[in-house]
Amino acid sequence: MSGLEALQSVQYVTAKGKRFAVVDADSWEAMIEWLEDVEDHDVLKESLADLKQAGGDRANAGWRSCDEVQTELE
């Protein structure tokens, strides 16, 4: 299920004069995954813009080497 499908699956319940949006757990998880993908996309766009501004030089764009990351993970 896509994030959009999950949003479209919402049902509304009114209790004590308040309106609530209700989704099942699978739809909720799909929305969370969709939002995480949107956030990842934004990070990627920003990183690529930094790389372009640095003339394609990863170090000048602030990117770390694979070796640096591997050392950090060990």
PDB file of N, CA and C in Angstrom:
ATOM      1  N   MET A   1       0.857  -1.177   0.000  1.00  0.00           N
ATOM      2  CA  MET A   1       0.000   0.000   0.000  1.00  0.00           C
ATOM      3  C   MET A   1       0.898   1.233   0.000  1.00  0.00           C
ATOM      4  N   SER A   2       0.589   2.168  -0.864  1.00  0.00           N
ATOM      5  CA  SER A   2       1.361   3.406  -0.918  1.00  0.00           C
ATOM      6  C   SER A   2       0.878   4.369   0.161  1.00  0.00           C
ATOM      7  N   GLY A   3       1.687   5.391   0.406  1.00  0.00           N
ATOM      8  CA  GLY A   3       1.297   6.399   1.387  1.00  0.00           C
ATOM      9  C   GLY A   3      -0.003   7.083   1.009  1.00  0.00           C
ATOM     10  N   LEU A   4      -0.171   7.353  -0.282  1.00  0.00           N
ATOM     11  CA  LEU A   4      -1.403   7.997  -0.738  1.00  0.00           C
ATOM     12  C   LEU A   4      -2.607   7.094  -0.516  1.00  0.00           C
ATOM     13  N   GLU A   5      -2.451   5.816  -0.819  1.00  0.00           N
ATOM     14  CA  GLU A   5      -3.552   4.873  -0.582  1.00  0.00           C
ATOM     15  C   GLU A   5      -3.891   4.797   0.902  1.00  0.00           C
ATOM     16  N   ALA A   6      -2.854   4.835   1.738  1.00  0.00           N
ATOM     17  CA  ALA A   6      -3.088   4.801   3.185  1.00  0.00           C
ATOM     18  C   ALA A   6      -3.855   6.038   3.634  1.00  0.00           C
ATOM     19  N   LEU A   7      -3.478   7.194   3.097  1.00  0.00           N
ATOM     20  CA  LEU A   7      -4.190   8.425   3.453  1.00  0.00           C
ATOM     21  C   LEU A   7      -5.642   8.374   2.990  1.00  0.00           C
ATOM     22  N   GLN A   8      -5.860   7.788   1.830  1.00  0.00           N
ATOM     23  CA  GLN A   8      -7.217   7.713   1.298  1.00  0.00           C
ATOM     24  C   GLN A   8      -8.071   6.681   2.028  1.00  0.00           C
ATOM     25  N   SER A   9      -7.435   5.789   2.792  1.00  0.00           N
ATOM     26  CA  SER A   9      -8.183   4.751   3.501  1.00  0.00           C
ATOM     27  C   SER A   9      -8.707   5.224   4.855  1.00  0.00           C
ATOM     28  N   VAL A  10      -8.381   6.440   5.233  1.00  0.00           N
ATOM     29  CA  VAL A  10      -8.803   6.947   6.544  1.00  0.00           C
ATOM     30  C   VAL A  10     -10.328   6.962   6.645  1.00  0.00           C
ATOM     31  N   GLN A  11     -10.798   6.633   7.827  1.00  0.00           N
ATOM     32  CA  GLN A  11     -12.224   6.715   8.117  1.00  0.00           C
ATOM     33  C   GLN A  11     -12.386   7.667   9.294  1.00  0.00           C
ATOM     34  N   TYR A  12     -13.526   8.292   9.372  1.00  0.00           N
ATOM     35  CA  TYR A  12     -13.761   9.290  10.410  1.00  0.00           C
ATOM     36  C   TYR A  12     -14.803   8.798  11.399  1.00  0.00           C
ATOM     37  N   VAL A  13     -14.542   9.092  12.656  1.00  0.00           N
ATOM     38  CA  VAL A  13     -15.445   8.729  13.746  1.00  0.00           C
ATOM     39  C   VAL A  13     -15.675   9.988  14.566  1.00  0.00           C
ATOM     40  N   THR A  14     -16.911  10.212  14.961  1.00  0.00           N
ATOM     41  CA  THR A  14     -17.224  11.340  15.825  1.00  0.00           C
ATOM     42  C   THR A  14     -17.638  10.801  17.183  1.00  0.00           C
ATOM     43  N   ALA A  15     -16.976  11.314  18.209  1.00  0.00           N
ATOM     44  CA  ALA A  15     -17.294  10.906  19.580  1.00  0.00           C
ATOM     45  C   ALA A  15     -17.243  12.139  20.468  1.00  0.00           C
ATOM     46  N   LYS A  16     -18.291  12.345  21.239  1.00  0.00           N
ATOM     47  CA  LYS A  16     -18.390  13.489  22.150  1.00  0.00           C
ATOM     48  C   LYS A  16     -18.117  14.808  21.431  1.00  0.00           C
ATOM     49  N   GLY A  17     -18.628  14.905  20.215  1.00  0.00           N
ATOM     50  CA  GLY A  17     -18.528  16.144  19.456  1.00  0.00           C
ATOM     51  C   GLY A  17     -17.184  16.369  18.784  1.00  0.00           C
ATOM     52  N   LYS A  18     -16.269  15.432  18.904  1.00  0.00           N
ATOM     53  CA  LYS A  18     -14.961  15.565  18.265  1.00  0.00           C
ATOM     54  C   LYS A  18     -14.852  14.561  17.128  1.00  0.00           C
ATOM     55  N   ARG A  19     -14.222  14.996  16.053  1.00  0.00           N
ATOM     56  CA  ARG A  19     -14.041  14.140  14.879  1.00  0.00           C
ATOM     57  C   ARG A  19     -12.622  13.562  14.903  1.00  0.00           C
ATOM     58  N   PHE A  20     -12.517  12.260  14.749  1.00  0.00           N
ATOM     59  CA  PHE A  20     -11.233  11.569  14.777  1.00  0.00           C
ATOM     60  C   PHE A  20     -11.001  10.849  13.458  1.00  0.00           C
ATOM     61  N   ALA A  21      -9.744  10.843  13.014  1.00  0.00           N
ATOM     62  CA  ALA A  21      -9.357  10.066  11.839  1.00  0.00           C
ATOM     63  C   ALA A  21      -8.849   8.719  12.331  1.00  0.00           C
ATOM     64  N   VAL A  22      -9.323   7.657  11.700  1.00  0.00           N
ATOM     65  CA  VAL A  22      -8.960   6.302  12.114  1.00  0.00           C
ATOM     66  C   VAL A  22      -8.392   5.558  10.907  1.00  0.00           C
ATOM     67  N   VAL A  23      -7.230   4.924  11.114  1.00  0.00           N
ATOM     68  CA  VAL A  23      -6.639   4.074  10.077  1.00  0.00           C
ATOM     69  C   VAL A  23      -6.223   2.755  10.724  1.00  0.00           C
ATOM     70  N   ASP A  24      -6.186   1.703   9.927  1.00  0.00           N
ATOM     71  CA  ASP A  24      -5.728   0.428  10.479  1.00  0.00           C
ATOM     72  C   ASP A  24      -4.201   0.448  10.589  1.00  0.00           C
ATOM     73  N   ALA A  25      -3.658  -0.510  11.305  1.00  0.00           N
ATOM     74  CA  ALA A  25      -2.218  -0.534  11.581  1.00  0.00           C
ATOM     75  C   ALA A  25      -1.390  -0.630  10.301  1.00  0.00           C
ATOM     76  N   ASP A  26      -1.834  -1.413   9.324  1.00  0.00           N
ATOM     77  CA  ASP A  26      -1.090  -1.530   8.067  1.00  0.00           C
ATOM     78  C   ASP A  26      -1.032  -0.192   7.336  1.00  0.00           C
ATOM     79  N   SER A  27      -2.136   0.531   7.344  1.00  0.00           N
ATOM     80  CA  SER A  27      -2.165   1.848   6.700  1.00  0.00           C
ATOM     81  C   SER A  27      -1.261   2.826   7.438  1.00  0.00           C
ATOM     82  N   TRP A  28      -1.284   2.768   8.755  1.00  0.00           N
ATOM     83  CA  TRP A  28      -0.428   3.645   9.565  1.00  0.00           C
ATOM     84  C   TRP A  28       1.044   3.387   9.239  1.00  0.00           C
ATOM     85  N   GLU A  29       1.436   2.115   9.191  1.00  0.00           N
ATOM     86  CA  GLU A  29       2.822   1.766   8.878  1.00  0.00           C
ATOM     87  C   GLU A  29       3.195   2.211   7.467  1.00  0.00           C
ATOM     88  N   ALA A  30       2.273   2.107   6.527  1.00  0.00           N
ATOM     89  CA  ALA A  30       2.530   2.561   5.160  1.00  0.00           C
ATOM     90  C   ALA A  30       2.749   4.068   5.125  1.00  0.00           C
ATOM     91  N   MET A  31       1.973   4.812   5.911  1.00  0.00           N
ATOM     92  CA  MET A  31       2.156   6.268   5.959  1.00  0.00           C
ATOM     93  C   MET A  31       3.506   6.631   6.566  1.00  0.00           C
ATOM     94  N   ILE A  32       3.910   5.935   7.627  1.00  0.00           N
ATOM     95  CA  ILE A  32       5.208   6.200   8.247  1.00  0.00           C
ATOM     96  C   ILE A  32       6.326   5.925   7.247  1.00  0.00           C
ATOM     97  N   GLU A  33       6.245   4.805   6.549  1.00  0.00           N
ATOM     98  CA  GLU A  33       7.261   4.461   5.551  1.00  0.00           C
ATOM     99  C   GLU A  33       7.307   5.508   4.443  1.00  0.00           C
ATOM    100  N   TRP A  34       6.142   5.953   3.999  1.00  0.00           N
ATOM    101  CA  TRP A  34       6.066   6.972   2.951  1.00  0.00           C
ATOM    102  C   TRP A  34       6.719   8.276   3.418  1.00  0.00           C
ATOM    103  N   LEU A  35       6.442   8.688   4.656  1.00  0.00           N
ATOM    104  CA  LEU A  35       7.043   9.912   5.190  1.00  0.00           C
ATOM    105  C   LEU A  35       8.559   9.776   5.320  1.00  0.00           C
ATOM    106  N   GLU A  36       9.032   8.605   5.709  1.00  0.00           N
ATOM    107  CA  GLU A  36      10.476   8.373   5.786  1.00  0.00           C
ATOM    108  C   GLU A  36      11.106   8.466   4.399  1.00  0.00           C
ATOM    109  N   ASP A  37      10.423   7.943   3.385  1.00  0.00           N
ATOM    110  CA  ASP A  37      10.925   8.035   2.013  1.00  0.00           C
ATOM    111  C   ASP A  37      10.992   9.489   1.554  1.00  0.00           C
ATOM    112  N   VAL A  38       9.987  10.275   1.891  1.00  0.00           N
ATOM    113  CA  VAL A  38       9.982  11.700   1.538  1.00  0.00           C
ATOM    114  C   VAL A  38      11.162  12.399   2.204  1.00  0.00           C
ATOM    115  N   GLU A  39      11.391  12.099   3.472  1.00  0.00           N
ATOM    116  CA  GLU A  39      12.509  12.698   4.197  1.00  0.00           C
ATOM    117  C   GLU A  39      13.844  12.288   3.562  1.00  0.00           C
ATOM    118  N   ASP A  40      13.991  11.011   3.220  1.00  0.00           N
ATOM    119  CA  ASP A  40      15.217  10.538   2.570  1.00  0.00           C
ATOM    120  C   ASP A  40      15.434  11.252   1.241  1.00  0.00           C
ATOM    121  N   HIS A  41      14.369  11.456   0.496  1.00  0.00           N
ATOM    122  CA  HIS A  41      14.459  12.146  -0.796  1.00  0.00           C
ATOM    123  C   HIS A  41      14.959  13.573  -0.601  1.00  0.00           C
ATOM    124  N   ASP A  42      14.465  14.255   0.427  1.00  0.00           N
ATOM    125  CA  ASP A  42      14.897  15.622   0.708  1.00  0.00           C
ATOM    126  C   ASP A  42      16.379  15.670   1.071  1.00  0.00           C
ATOM    127  N   VAL A  43      16.835  14.707   1.868  1.00  0.00           N
ATOM    128  CA  VAL A  43      18.254  14.639   2.244  1.00  0.00           C
ATOM    129  C   VAL A  43      19.107  14.403   0.998  1.00  0.00           C
ATOM    130  N   LEU A  44      18.658  13.515   0.130  1.00  0.00           N
ATOM    131  CA  LEU A  44      19.389  13.233  -1.100  1.00  0.00           C
ATOM    132  C   LEU A  44      19.485  14.470  -1.986  1.00  0.00           C
ATOM    133  N   LYS A  45      18.371  15.184  -2.159  1.00  0.00           N
ATOM    134  CA  LYS A  45      18.386  16.398  -2.979  1.00  0.00           C
ATOM    135  C   LYS A  45      19.370  17.420  -2.428  1.00  0.00           C
ATOM    136  N   GLU A  46      19.379  17.591  -1.112  1.00  0.00           N
ATOM    137  CA  GLU A  46      20.287  18.547  -0.482  1.00  0.00           C
ATOM    138  C   GLU A  46      21.744  18.111  -0.670  1.00  0.00           C
ATOM    139  N   SER A  47      22.008  16.833  -0.505  1.00  0.00           N
ATOM    140  CA  SER A  47      23.372  16.315  -0.663  1.00  0.00           C
ATOM    141  C   SER A  47      23.862  16.479  -2.096  1.00  0.00           C
ATOM    142  N   LEU A  48      22.998  16.206  -3.055  1.00  0.00           N
ATOM    143  CA  LEU A  48      23.391  16.361  -4.455  1.00  0.00           C
ATOM    144  C   LEU A  48      23.613  17.828  -4.811  1.00  0.00           C
ATOM    145  N   ALA A  49      22.826  18.725  -4.231  1.00  0.00           N
ATOM    146  CA  ALA A  49      23.034  20.158  -4.460  1.00  0.00           C
ATOM    147  C   ALA A  49      24.382  20.589  -3.885  1.00  0.00           C
ATOM    148  N   ASP A  50      24.722  20.079  -2.695  1.00  0.00           N
ATOM    149  CA  ASP A  50      26.025  20.386  -2.094  1.00  0.00           C
ATOM    150  C   ASP A  50      27.158  19.875  -2.979  1.00  0.00           C
ATOM    151  N   LEU A  51      26.994  18.670  -3.514  1.00  0.00           N
ATOM    152  CA  LEU A  51      28.016  18.088  -4.382  1.00  0.00           C
ATOM    153  C   LEU A  51      28.179  18.911  -5.652  1.00  0.00           C
ATOM    154  N   LYS A  52      27.080  19.343  -6.222  1.00  0.00           N
ATOM    155  CA  LYS A  52      27.144  20.160  -7.435  1.00  0.00           C
ATOM    156  C   LYS A  52      27.847  21.478  -7.145  1.00  0.00           C
ATOM    157  N   GLN A  53      27.514  22.096  -6.013  1.00  0.00           N
ATOM    158  CA  GLN A  53      28.135  23.366  -5.642  1.00  0.00           C
ATOM    159  C   GLN A  53      29.634  23.191  -5.394  1.00  0.00           C
ATOM    160  N   ALA A  54      30.046  22.006  -4.961  1.00  0.00           N
ATOM    161  CA  ALA A  54      31.462  21.726  -4.703  1.00  0.00           C
ATOM    162  C   ALA A  54      32.180  21.258  -5.965  1.00  0.00           C
ATOM    163  N   GLY A  55      31.538  21.391  -7.106  1.00  0.00           N
ATOM    164  CA  GLY A  55      32.164  21.020  -8.365  1.00  0.00           C
ATOM    165  C   GLY A  55      32.389  19.528  -8.520  1.00  0.00           C
ATOM    166  N   GLY A  56      31.578  18.739  -7.819  1.00  0.00           N
ATOM    167  CA  GLY A  56      31.700  17.289  -7.920  1.00  0.00           C
ATOM    168  C   GLY A  56      32.713  16.691  -6.963  1.00  0.00           C
ATOM    169  N   ASP A  57      33.370  17.530  -6.174  1.00  0.00           N
ATOM    170  CA  ASP A  57      34.364  17.042  -5.205  1.00  0.00           C
ATOM    171  C   ASP A  57      33.655  16.630  -3.919  1.00  0.00           C
ATOM    172  N   ARG A  58      33.638  15.335  -3.662  1.00  0.00           N
ATOM    173  CA  ARG A  58      32.900  14.815  -2.508  1.00  0.00           C
ATOM    174  C   ARG A  58      33.431  15.353  -1.184  1.00  0.00           C
ATOM    175  N   ALA A  59      34.741  15.442  -1.058  1.00  0.00           N
ATOM    176  CA  ALA A  59      35.331  15.938   0.196  1.00  0.00           C
ATOM    177  C   ALA A  59      34.923  17.387   0.443  1.00  0.00           C
ATOM    178  N   ASN A  60      34.965  18.215  -0.599  1.00  0.00           N
ATOM    179  CA  ASN A  60      34.572  19.623  -0.451  1.00  0.00           C
ATOM    180  C   ASN A  60      33.079  19.776  -0.187  1.00  0.00           C
ATOM    181  N   ALA A  61      32.303  18.777  -0.588  1.00  0.00           N
ATOM    182  CA  ALA A  61      30.858  18.804  -0.335  1.00  0.00           C
ATOM    183  C   ALA A  61      30.534  18.328   1.077  1.00  0.00           C
ATOM    184  N   GLY A  62      31.570  17.865   1.805  1.00  0.00           N
ATOM    185  CA  GLY A  62      31.352  17.409   3.172  1.00  0.00           C
ATOM    186  C   GLY A  62      31.035  15.933   3.281  1.00  0.00           C
ATOM    187  N   TRP A  63      31.181  15.217   2.173  1.00  0.00           N
ATOM    188  CA  TRP A  63      30.922  13.778   2.191  1.00  0.00           C
ATOM    189  C   TRP A  63      32.119  13.071   2.803  1.00  0.00           C
ATOM    190  N   ARG A  64      31.864  12.018   3.547  1.00  0.00           N
ATOM    191  CA  ARG A  64      32.942  11.220   4.127  1.00  0.00           C
ATOM    192  C   ARG A  64      33.245  10.042   3.216  1.00  0.00           C
ATOM    193  N   SER A  65      34.471   9.564   3.302  1.00  0.00           N
ATOM    194  CA  SER A  65      34.853   8.408   2.484  1.00  0.00           C
ATOM    195  C   SER A  65      34.264   7.136   3.085  1.00  0.00           C
ATOM    196  N   CYS A  66      34.187   6.112   2.266  1.00  0.00           N
ATOM    197  CA  CYS A  66      33.687   4.812   2.743  1.00  0.00           C
ATOM    198  C   CYS A  66      34.559   4.294   3.880  1.00  0.00           C
ATOM    199  N   ASP A  67      35.873   4.514   3.787  1.00  0.00           N
ATOM    200  CA  ASP A  67      36.785   4.062   4.845  1.00  0.00           C
ATOM    201  C   ASP A  67      36.485   4.756   6.170  1.00  0.00           C
ATOM    202  N   GLU A  68      36.198   6.059   6.126  1.00  0.00           N
ATOM    203  CA  GLU A  68      35.860   6.790   7.356  1.00  0.00           C
ATOM    204  C   GLU A  68      34.596   6.234   7.999  1.00  0.00           C
ATOM    205  N   VAL A  69      33.612   5.965   7.186  1.00  0.00           N
ATOM    206  CA  VAL A  69      32.344   5.440   7.698  1.00  0.00           C
ATOM    207  C   VAL A  69      32.549   4.037   8.258  1.00  0.00           C
ATOM    208  N   GLN A  70      33.303   3.216   7.545  1.00  0.00           N
ATOM    209  CA  GLN A  70      33.565   1.849   8.005  1.00  0.00           C
ATOM    210  C   GLN A  70      34.278   1.866   9.353  1.00  0.00           C
ATOM    211  N   THR A  71      35.267   2.743   9.506  1.00  0.00           N
ATOM    212  CA  THR A  71      35.997   2.857  10.769  1.00  0.00           C
ATOM    213  C   THR A  71      35.057   3.270  11.893  1.00  0.00           C
ATOM    214  N   GLU A  72      34.164   4.188  11.596  1.00  0.00           N
ATOM    215  CA  GLU A  72      33.203   4.650  12.599  1.00  0.00           C
ATOM    216  C   GLU A  72      32.256   3.531  13.029  1.00  0.00           C
ATOM    217  N   LEU A  73      31.912   2.658  12.110  1.00  0.00           N
ATOM    218  CA  LEU A  73      30.974   1.580  12.408  1.00  0.00           C
ATOM    219  C   LEU A  73      31.609   0.425  13.178  1.00  0.00           C
ATOM    220  N   GLU A  74      32.917   0.324  13.126  1.00  0.00           N
ATOM    221  CA  GLU A  74      33.607  -0.788  13.804  1.00  0.00           C
ATOM    222  C   GLU A  74      33.722  -0.582  15.286  1.00  0.00           C
TER     223      GLU A  74
END
